[in-house]
N, C-alpha and C. Protein backbone atom coordinates (compact mmCIF):
# COMPACT_ATOMS: atom_id res chain seq x y z
N MET A 1 129.02 80.43 -2.82
CA MET A 1 129.45 81.75 -3.28
C MET A 1 128.60 82.91 -2.79
N LYS A 2 127.35 82.63 -2.60
CA LYS A 2 126.32 83.60 -2.01
C LYS A 2 126.79 83.94 -0.50
N GLU A 3 127.26 82.88 0.17
CA GLU A 3 127.69 83.17 1.62
C GLU A 3 128.91 83.96 1.66
N LEU A 4 129.81 83.78 0.72
CA LEU A 4 131.01 84.60 0.69
C LEU A 4 130.65 86.13 0.33
N LEU A 5 129.71 86.34 -0.58
CA LEU A 5 129.37 87.70 -0.82
C LEU A 5 128.65 88.48 0.33
N VAL A 6 127.84 87.60 1.13
CA VAL A 6 127.14 88.23 2.26
C VAL A 6 128.28 88.47 3.29
N PHE A 7 129.16 87.60 3.48
CA PHE A 7 130.28 87.71 4.47
C PHE A 7 131.01 88.98 4.11
N ALA A 8 131.50 89.17 2.86
CA ALA A 8 132.22 90.26 2.46
C ALA A 8 131.38 91.65 2.76
N PHE A 9 130.12 91.59 2.39
CA PHE A 9 129.31 92.74 2.51
C PHE A 9 129.22 93.14 4.02
N PHE A 10 128.86 92.19 4.84
CA PHE A 10 128.77 92.45 6.31
C PHE A 10 130.05 92.92 6.82
N LEU A 11 131.19 92.43 6.42
CA LEU A 11 132.50 92.74 6.97
C LEU A 11 132.97 94.13 6.38
N TYR A 12 132.82 94.38 5.06
CA TYR A 12 133.50 95.59 4.49
C TYR A 12 132.53 96.80 4.38
N PHE A 13 131.28 96.55 4.24
CA PHE A 13 130.39 97.70 4.10
C PHE A 13 130.50 98.71 5.19
N PRO A 14 130.48 98.32 6.52
CA PRO A 14 130.46 99.34 7.60
C PRO A 14 131.79 100.21 7.47
N TYR A 15 132.91 99.56 7.16
CA TYR A 15 134.13 100.40 7.04
C TYR A 15 134.08 101.37 5.79
N GLY A 16 133.52 100.81 4.75
CA GLY A 16 133.35 101.67 3.54
C GLY A 16 132.43 102.85 3.83
N TRP A 17 131.35 102.55 4.52
CA TRP A 17 130.44 103.58 4.95
C TRP A 17 131.22 104.62 5.75
N CYS A 18 131.94 104.28 6.65
CA CYS A 18 132.65 105.26 7.47
C CYS A 18 133.65 106.12 6.66
N ALA A 19 134.27 105.47 5.75
CA ALA A 19 135.27 106.10 4.91
C ALA A 19 134.57 107.18 3.91
N LEU A 20 133.44 106.77 3.43
CA LEU A 20 132.78 107.54 2.42
C LEU A 20 131.92 108.69 3.03
N SER A 21 131.41 108.37 4.21
CA SER A 21 130.58 109.26 5.01
C SER A 21 131.38 110.32 5.80
N GLY A 22 132.65 110.03 5.99
CA GLY A 22 133.57 110.95 6.80
C GLY A 22 133.38 110.63 8.32
N ASN A 23 132.67 109.58 8.73
CA ASN A 23 132.49 109.17 10.11
C ASN A 23 133.73 108.43 10.52
N SER A 24 134.04 108.52 11.82
CA SER A 24 135.29 107.80 12.29
C SER A 24 134.85 106.29 12.56
N ARG A 25 135.73 105.50 12.41
CA ARG A 25 135.40 104.09 12.75
C ARG A 25 135.05 103.90 14.24
N GLU A 26 135.70 104.73 15.07
CA GLU A 26 135.48 104.69 16.52
C GLU A 26 134.03 104.97 16.83
N SER A 27 133.46 105.92 16.03
CA SER A 27 132.05 106.24 16.33
C SER A 27 131.06 105.21 15.99
N PHE A 28 131.51 104.17 15.29
CA PHE A 28 130.71 102.98 14.98
C PHE A 28 131.19 101.80 15.77
N GLY A 29 132.05 102.01 16.61
CA GLY A 29 132.57 100.82 17.45
C GLY A 29 133.49 99.94 16.68
N LEU A 30 133.88 100.41 15.45
CA LEU A 30 134.72 99.56 14.69
C LEU A 30 136.18 99.66 14.85
N ILE A 31 136.43 99.48 16.25
CA ILE A 31 137.83 99.40 16.71
C ILE A 31 137.85 98.17 17.43
N TRP A 32 139.03 97.62 17.52
CA TRP A 32 139.18 96.30 18.23
C TRP A 32 139.84 96.51 19.46
N LYS A 33 139.07 96.71 20.52
CA LYS A 33 139.73 96.91 21.86
C LYS A 33 138.82 96.22 22.79
N ALA A 34 139.56 95.54 23.82
CA ALA A 34 138.79 94.99 24.86
C ALA A 34 139.74 94.96 26.15
N ASP A 35 139.36 95.82 27.10
CA ASP A 35 140.25 95.88 28.27
C ASP A 35 139.70 94.72 29.20
N ARG A 36 140.33 94.67 30.46
CA ARG A 36 139.96 93.55 31.33
C ARG A 36 138.45 93.61 31.71
N HIS A 37 137.91 94.89 31.73
CA HIS A 37 136.51 95.01 32.18
C HIS A 37 135.55 94.45 31.01
N ALA A 38 135.91 94.56 29.82
CA ALA A 38 135.22 94.01 28.65
C ALA A 38 135.33 92.55 28.68
N LEU A 39 136.51 92.04 28.87
CA LEU A 39 136.70 90.57 28.94
C LEU A 39 135.97 89.94 30.12
N ARG A 40 135.87 90.68 31.23
CA ARG A 40 135.14 90.16 32.38
C ARG A 40 133.58 90.12 32.02
N ASP A 41 133.18 91.08 31.33
CA ASP A 41 131.81 91.14 30.92
C ASP A 41 131.46 90.16 29.88
N VAL A 42 132.36 89.86 28.98
CA VAL A 42 132.12 88.72 27.99
C VAL A 42 132.03 87.36 28.77
N ALA A 43 132.97 87.16 29.71
CA ALA A 43 132.91 86.01 30.53
C ALA A 43 131.56 85.84 31.30
N ALA A 44 131.21 86.93 31.94
CA ALA A 44 129.94 86.88 32.84
C ALA A 44 128.77 86.63 31.93
N VAL A 45 128.56 87.32 30.73
CA VAL A 45 127.51 87.23 29.87
C VAL A 45 127.53 85.81 29.30
N SER A 46 128.66 85.28 28.95
CA SER A 46 128.78 83.85 28.47
C SER A 46 128.26 82.93 29.50
N LEU A 47 128.62 82.98 30.77
CA LEU A 47 128.18 82.14 31.81
C LEU A 47 126.67 82.27 32.12
N LEU A 48 126.24 83.54 32.14
CA LEU A 48 124.85 83.78 32.43
C LEU A 48 123.88 83.34 31.34
N THR A 49 124.37 83.21 30.11
CA THR A 49 123.42 82.78 28.97
C THR A 49 123.72 81.41 28.54
N LEU A 50 124.93 81.08 28.45
CA LEU A 50 125.16 79.69 27.95
C LEU A 50 125.09 78.58 28.89
N LEU A 51 125.31 78.68 30.20
CA LEU A 51 125.06 77.65 31.20
C LEU A 51 123.61 77.31 31.21
N PRO A 52 122.64 78.27 31.32
CA PRO A 52 121.25 77.82 31.29
C PRO A 52 120.81 77.15 30.00
N LEU A 53 121.34 77.76 28.82
CA LEU A 53 121.08 77.15 27.57
C LEU A 53 121.59 75.73 27.42
N THR A 54 122.69 75.44 28.01
CA THR A 54 123.27 74.11 28.07
C THR A 54 122.28 73.16 28.77
N ALA A 55 121.87 73.59 29.93
CA ALA A 55 120.96 72.75 30.76
C ALA A 55 119.70 72.44 29.86
N VAL A 56 119.13 73.48 29.22
CA VAL A 56 117.92 73.33 28.53
C VAL A 56 118.16 72.40 27.36
N SER A 57 119.24 72.65 26.58
CA SER A 57 119.59 71.81 25.50
C SER A 57 119.76 70.34 25.94
N LEU A 58 120.55 70.16 26.91
CA LEU A 58 120.68 68.70 27.32
C LEU A 58 119.43 68.04 27.88
N PHE A 59 118.55 68.79 28.62
CA PHE A 59 117.37 68.25 29.13
C PHE A 59 116.33 67.91 27.98
N PHE A 60 116.07 68.91 27.10
CA PHE A 60 115.05 68.73 26.21
C PHE A 60 115.46 68.16 24.80
N PHE A 61 116.78 68.35 24.47
CA PHE A 61 117.27 67.92 23.15
C PHE A 61 118.41 66.96 23.24
N GLY A 62 118.64 66.38 24.36
CA GLY A 62 119.79 65.58 24.52
C GLY A 62 119.96 64.37 23.49
N ASP A 63 118.76 63.94 23.00
CA ASP A 63 118.76 62.87 21.99
C ASP A 63 119.08 63.37 20.57
N ARG A 64 119.06 64.72 20.46
CA ARG A 64 119.29 65.45 19.15
C ARG A 64 120.64 66.03 19.02
N LEU A 65 121.45 65.90 20.03
CA LEU A 65 122.72 66.41 20.06
C LEU A 65 123.70 65.52 19.57
N PHE A 66 124.40 65.88 18.40
CA PHE A 66 125.26 64.98 17.82
C PHE A 66 126.66 65.59 17.88
N PRO A 67 127.68 65.07 18.56
CA PRO A 67 128.98 65.59 18.59
C PRO A 67 129.45 65.66 17.18
N PRO A 68 130.16 66.68 16.80
CA PRO A 68 130.77 66.86 15.51
C PRO A 68 131.96 65.86 15.35
N ALA A 69 132.19 65.53 14.11
CA ALA A 69 133.43 64.73 13.81
C ALA A 69 134.61 65.53 14.25
N LEU A 70 135.57 65.02 14.88
CA LEU A 70 136.74 65.76 15.36
C LEU A 70 137.49 66.56 14.22
N ARG A 71 137.49 65.93 13.15
CA ARG A 71 138.20 66.58 11.97
C ARG A 71 137.55 67.85 11.50
N SER A 72 136.24 67.98 11.81
CA SER A 72 135.38 69.13 11.34
C SER A 72 135.50 70.30 12.43
N VAL A 73 135.96 69.99 13.61
CA VAL A 73 135.96 70.99 14.67
C VAL A 73 136.80 72.21 14.36
N PRO A 74 138.08 72.01 13.86
CA PRO A 74 138.83 73.25 13.66
C PRO A 74 138.21 74.09 12.54
N ALA A 75 137.62 73.55 11.54
CA ALA A 75 137.02 74.25 10.48
C ALA A 75 135.65 74.97 11.07
N SER A 76 135.02 74.30 11.96
CA SER A 76 133.83 74.91 12.52
C SER A 76 134.21 76.06 13.40
N VAL A 77 135.16 75.92 14.14
CA VAL A 77 135.63 76.96 15.12
C VAL A 77 136.11 78.16 14.32
N LEU A 78 136.92 78.03 13.20
CA LEU A 78 137.31 79.10 12.42
C LEU A 78 136.20 79.74 11.57
N SER A 79 135.28 78.92 11.13
CA SER A 79 134.11 79.59 10.43
C SER A 79 133.23 80.35 11.44
N GLY A 80 133.19 79.86 12.61
CA GLY A 80 132.40 80.46 13.73
C GLY A 80 133.01 81.92 14.02
N LEU A 81 134.38 81.96 14.02
CA LEU A 81 135.06 83.22 14.27
C LEU A 81 134.75 84.16 13.09
N ALA A 82 134.83 83.69 11.83
CA ALA A 82 134.68 84.52 10.72
C ALA A 82 133.27 85.10 10.77
N ALA A 83 132.11 84.23 11.06
CA ALA A 83 130.81 84.63 11.09
C ALA A 83 130.68 85.66 12.19
N ALA A 84 131.32 85.45 13.39
CA ALA A 84 131.16 86.48 14.40
C ALA A 84 131.77 87.80 14.09
N VAL A 85 132.92 87.79 13.42
CA VAL A 85 133.59 89.05 12.98
C VAL A 85 132.67 89.91 11.98
N ALA A 86 132.28 89.17 10.95
CA ALA A 86 131.46 89.78 9.91
C ALA A 86 130.05 90.31 10.44
N GLU A 87 129.43 89.42 11.11
CA GLU A 87 128.01 89.78 11.65
C GLU A 87 128.08 90.91 12.77
N GLU A 88 129.09 90.80 13.68
CA GLU A 88 129.11 91.87 14.67
C GLU A 88 129.56 93.17 14.06
N THR A 89 130.40 93.11 13.09
CA THR A 89 130.78 94.38 12.44
C THR A 89 129.65 95.02 11.73
N PHE A 90 128.80 94.22 11.13
CA PHE A 90 127.63 94.78 10.47
C PHE A 90 126.44 95.18 11.48
N PHE A 91 126.06 94.19 12.17
CA PHE A 91 124.84 94.41 13.08
C PHE A 91 125.12 95.29 14.25
N ARG A 92 126.24 95.02 15.08
CA ARG A 92 126.51 95.84 16.20
C ARG A 92 127.30 97.09 15.84
N GLY A 93 128.13 96.96 14.78
CA GLY A 93 128.95 98.18 14.43
C GLY A 93 128.08 99.17 13.65
N TRP A 94 127.52 98.67 12.51
CA TRP A 94 126.92 99.65 11.62
C TRP A 94 125.44 99.86 11.97
N VAL A 95 124.64 98.70 11.97
CA VAL A 95 123.24 98.83 12.12
C VAL A 95 122.85 99.43 13.46
N GLN A 96 123.42 98.91 14.46
CA GLN A 96 123.07 99.37 15.87
C GLN A 96 123.52 100.92 16.01
N THR A 97 124.67 101.31 15.38
CA THR A 97 125.02 102.73 15.48
C THR A 97 124.00 103.58 14.69
N MET A 98 123.67 103.14 13.47
CA MET A 98 122.69 103.97 12.58
C MET A 98 121.38 104.00 13.30
N LEU A 99 120.90 102.97 13.93
CA LEU A 99 119.62 103.08 14.62
C LEU A 99 119.74 103.96 15.85
N GLY A 100 120.90 103.99 16.44
CA GLY A 100 121.06 104.86 17.55
C GLY A 100 121.06 106.36 17.28
N TYR A 101 121.22 106.71 15.99
CA TYR A 101 121.04 108.08 15.58
C TYR A 101 119.56 108.52 15.50
N ARG A 102 118.69 107.47 15.44
CA ARG A 102 117.25 107.75 15.31
C ARG A 102 116.50 107.36 16.53
N PHE A 103 116.96 106.44 17.37
CA PHE A 103 116.23 105.98 18.51
C PHE A 103 117.10 106.00 19.74
N TYR A 104 116.40 105.90 20.88
CA TYR A 104 117.04 105.69 22.17
C TYR A 104 117.94 104.48 22.03
N ARG A 105 119.13 104.50 22.71
CA ARG A 105 120.10 103.47 22.46
C ARG A 105 119.55 102.01 22.77
N GLY A 106 118.71 102.00 23.81
CA GLY A 106 118.09 100.64 24.27
C GLY A 106 117.23 100.18 23.05
N TRP A 107 116.53 100.98 22.37
CA TRP A 107 115.80 100.51 21.28
C TRP A 107 116.72 100.23 20.07
N SER A 108 117.76 100.82 19.97
CA SER A 108 118.77 100.49 18.80
C SER A 108 119.29 99.16 19.07
N ILE A 109 119.53 98.77 20.29
CA ILE A 109 120.05 97.41 20.63
C ILE A 109 118.95 96.43 20.30
N ILE A 110 117.62 96.63 20.69
CA ILE A 110 116.57 95.78 20.48
C ILE A 110 116.38 95.56 18.91
N LEU A 111 116.22 96.63 18.27
CA LEU A 111 116.03 96.61 16.78
C LEU A 111 117.13 95.94 16.05
N ALA A 112 118.39 96.29 16.38
CA ALA A 112 119.47 95.53 15.67
C ALA A 112 119.44 94.09 15.95
N SER A 113 119.14 93.73 17.19
CA SER A 113 119.00 92.33 17.46
C SER A 113 117.84 91.69 16.78
N ALA A 114 116.73 92.36 16.66
CA ALA A 114 115.67 91.85 15.85
C ALA A 114 116.12 91.48 14.38
N LEU A 115 116.78 92.50 13.85
CA LEU A 115 117.30 92.29 12.49
C LEU A 115 118.29 91.17 12.37
N PHE A 116 119.11 90.99 13.33
CA PHE A 116 120.01 90.01 13.41
C PHE A 116 119.30 88.59 13.54
N GLY A 117 118.19 88.50 14.39
CA GLY A 117 117.39 87.27 14.36
C GLY A 117 116.82 86.99 13.05
N ILE A 118 116.22 87.98 12.45
CA ILE A 118 115.54 87.77 11.17
C ILE A 118 116.58 87.34 10.09
N ALA A 119 117.78 87.95 10.05
CA ALA A 119 118.84 87.50 9.07
C ALA A 119 119.19 86.08 9.22
N HIS A 120 119.03 85.54 10.52
CA HIS A 120 119.35 84.04 10.72
C HIS A 120 118.24 83.12 10.19
N LEU A 121 117.13 83.76 9.69
CA LEU A 121 116.14 82.83 9.09
C LEU A 121 116.60 82.23 7.87
N ALA A 122 117.71 82.74 7.27
CA ALA A 122 118.36 82.17 6.12
C ALA A 122 119.08 80.97 6.44
N SER A 123 119.17 80.66 7.74
CA SER A 123 119.99 79.53 8.24
C SER A 123 119.31 78.17 7.97
N PRO A 124 120.00 77.15 7.87
CA PRO A 124 119.34 75.81 7.66
C PRO A 124 118.60 75.49 8.99
N HIS A 125 118.74 76.09 10.03
CA HIS A 125 118.08 75.85 11.29
C HIS A 125 116.86 76.70 11.51
N ALA A 126 116.40 77.40 10.50
CA ALA A 126 115.18 78.22 10.49
C ALA A 126 114.06 77.24 10.90
N PRO A 127 112.98 77.74 11.59
CA PRO A 127 112.84 79.02 12.20
C PRO A 127 113.39 79.14 13.59
N PHE A 128 114.05 78.14 14.11
CA PHE A 128 114.67 78.26 15.47
C PHE A 128 115.85 79.29 15.44
N ALA A 129 116.37 79.51 14.24
CA ALA A 129 117.55 80.44 14.23
C ALA A 129 117.11 81.89 14.59
N VAL A 130 115.83 82.23 14.46
CA VAL A 130 115.41 83.59 14.78
C VAL A 130 115.68 83.79 16.25
N LEU A 131 115.92 82.84 17.04
CA LEU A 131 116.22 82.99 18.53
C LEU A 131 117.50 83.58 18.65
N ALA A 132 118.32 83.84 17.57
CA ALA A 132 119.49 84.62 17.67
C ALA A 132 119.26 86.03 18.16
N PHE A 133 118.05 86.40 18.16
CA PHE A 133 117.63 87.70 18.76
C PHE A 133 118.07 87.79 20.17
N PHE A 134 118.03 86.78 21.02
CA PHE A 134 118.31 86.83 22.41
C PHE A 134 119.81 87.05 22.65
N PRO A 135 120.61 86.26 22.06
CA PRO A 135 122.07 86.55 22.25
C PRO A 135 122.48 87.92 21.54
N GLY A 136 121.74 88.26 20.59
CA GLY A 136 121.92 89.64 20.02
C GLY A 136 121.68 90.75 20.91
N LEU A 137 120.85 90.69 21.86
CA LEU A 137 120.59 91.65 22.94
C LEU A 137 121.95 91.67 23.82
N ALA A 138 122.48 90.43 24.15
CA ALA A 138 123.67 90.52 24.94
C ALA A 138 124.81 91.12 24.19
N MET A 139 125.01 90.84 22.92
CA MET A 139 126.07 91.35 22.15
C MET A 139 125.91 92.86 21.93
N GLY A 140 124.60 93.32 21.79
CA GLY A 140 124.34 94.73 21.59
C GLY A 140 124.65 95.47 22.91
N TYR A 141 124.38 94.89 24.08
CA TYR A 141 124.63 95.53 25.33
C TYR A 141 126.15 95.64 25.54
N ILE A 142 126.93 94.53 25.33
CA ILE A 142 128.32 94.68 25.59
C ILE A 142 129.02 95.52 24.58
N ARG A 143 128.53 95.63 23.34
CA ARG A 143 129.02 96.57 22.30
C ARG A 143 128.82 98.01 22.72
N ASP A 144 127.66 98.23 23.19
CA ASP A 144 127.30 99.59 23.70
C ASP A 144 127.99 99.96 24.93
N ARG A 145 128.20 99.07 25.84
CA ARG A 145 128.87 99.37 27.12
C ARG A 145 130.39 99.68 26.93
N HIS A 146 130.93 98.95 25.95
CA HIS A 146 132.48 99.12 25.82
C HIS A 146 132.84 99.87 24.68
N GLY A 147 131.90 100.25 23.73
CA GLY A 147 132.37 101.16 22.51
C GLY A 147 133.09 100.43 21.48
N SER A 148 133.15 99.14 21.52
CA SER A 148 133.91 98.35 20.53
C SER A 148 133.16 97.13 20.23
N VAL A 149 133.30 96.68 18.97
CA VAL A 149 132.68 95.35 18.52
C VAL A 149 133.43 94.15 19.02
N LEU A 150 134.72 94.35 19.48
CA LEU A 150 135.49 93.14 19.78
C LEU A 150 134.87 92.38 20.99
N PRO A 151 134.32 92.99 22.11
CA PRO A 151 133.79 92.18 23.03
C PRO A 151 132.46 91.42 22.52
N ALA A 152 131.72 92.03 21.62
CA ALA A 152 130.56 91.29 21.04
C ALA A 152 131.09 90.19 20.17
N ILE A 153 132.09 90.47 19.41
CA ILE A 153 132.76 89.38 18.60
C ILE A 153 133.06 88.14 19.39
N LEU A 154 133.76 88.43 20.58
CA LEU A 154 134.23 87.30 21.36
C LEU A 154 133.04 86.51 21.93
N TYR A 155 132.02 87.24 22.39
CA TYR A 155 130.84 86.51 22.93
C TYR A 155 130.21 85.73 21.81
N HIS A 156 130.01 86.33 20.63
CA HIS A 156 129.43 85.66 19.52
C HIS A 156 130.24 84.40 19.13
N TRP A 157 131.56 84.47 19.12
CA TRP A 157 132.36 83.33 18.78
C TRP A 157 132.27 82.28 19.89
N ILE A 158 132.18 82.59 21.07
CA ILE A 158 131.96 81.62 22.17
C ILE A 158 130.58 80.88 21.90
N GLY A 159 129.58 81.67 21.59
CA GLY A 159 128.27 81.17 21.29
C GLY A 159 128.36 80.16 20.14
N ASN A 160 129.14 80.52 19.05
CA ASN A 160 129.13 79.77 17.99
C ASN A 160 129.90 78.38 18.28
N ILE A 161 130.95 78.51 19.10
CA ILE A 161 131.56 77.24 19.47
C ILE A 161 130.64 76.44 20.33
N TRP A 162 129.85 77.04 21.22
CA TRP A 162 128.90 76.32 22.04
C TRP A 162 127.94 75.52 21.09
N SER A 163 127.49 76.26 20.00
CA SER A 163 126.47 75.64 19.18
C SER A 163 127.02 74.41 18.41
N ILE A 164 128.39 74.29 18.21
CA ILE A 164 128.86 73.09 17.51
C ILE A 164 128.49 71.89 18.25
N TRP A 165 128.45 71.91 19.64
CA TRP A 165 128.25 70.67 20.34
C TRP A 165 126.77 70.69 20.93
N LEU A 166 126.20 71.83 21.20
CA LEU A 166 125.00 71.76 22.04
C LEU A 166 123.76 72.43 21.37
N TYR A 167 123.77 72.76 20.06
CA TYR A 167 122.64 73.23 19.33
C TYR A 167 121.88 72.06 18.78
N PRO A 168 120.62 71.80 19.15
CA PRO A 168 119.94 70.58 18.59
C PRO A 168 119.79 70.53 17.09
N ARG A 169 120.06 69.40 16.55
CA ARG A 169 119.95 69.14 15.10
C ARG A 169 118.67 68.50 14.83
N PHE A 170 117.81 68.95 14.01
CA PHE A 170 116.49 68.36 13.73
C PHE A 170 116.60 67.74 12.34
């Protein structure tokens, strides 16, 4: 139940904020658009980050990687999409934009990513989950570059799918 409340807050709060404050959704990147350049960037960032992580994971944690039961894969993929949508809407849409009002945009990406990593400490994989800071930087960059949360959502979802098979289980 707690997870559902957090999910709903992360997803709906930014849209409610825009409606109540009179800000446009576009000014917060809360529009879902991704042209071919954005999709190219998502693919490039995915390859540049996930291929090295795959090598590291296989080399150092190969004995701790447990393939999921096939029946759980569809549910994991869909929950990974839901998490990506809610978290990117909140952290890259609302938090990063609000920080951008007070700080240089590079700092807003870094600070939003730090908060994203800290939020992951509630994960069962803590303290390693704080490493979500690093992909947060990539998601912040592509959100900033393309003015939409959709490219960040796509990268986040790809990362969540990656983690189903290649995130070490301790």
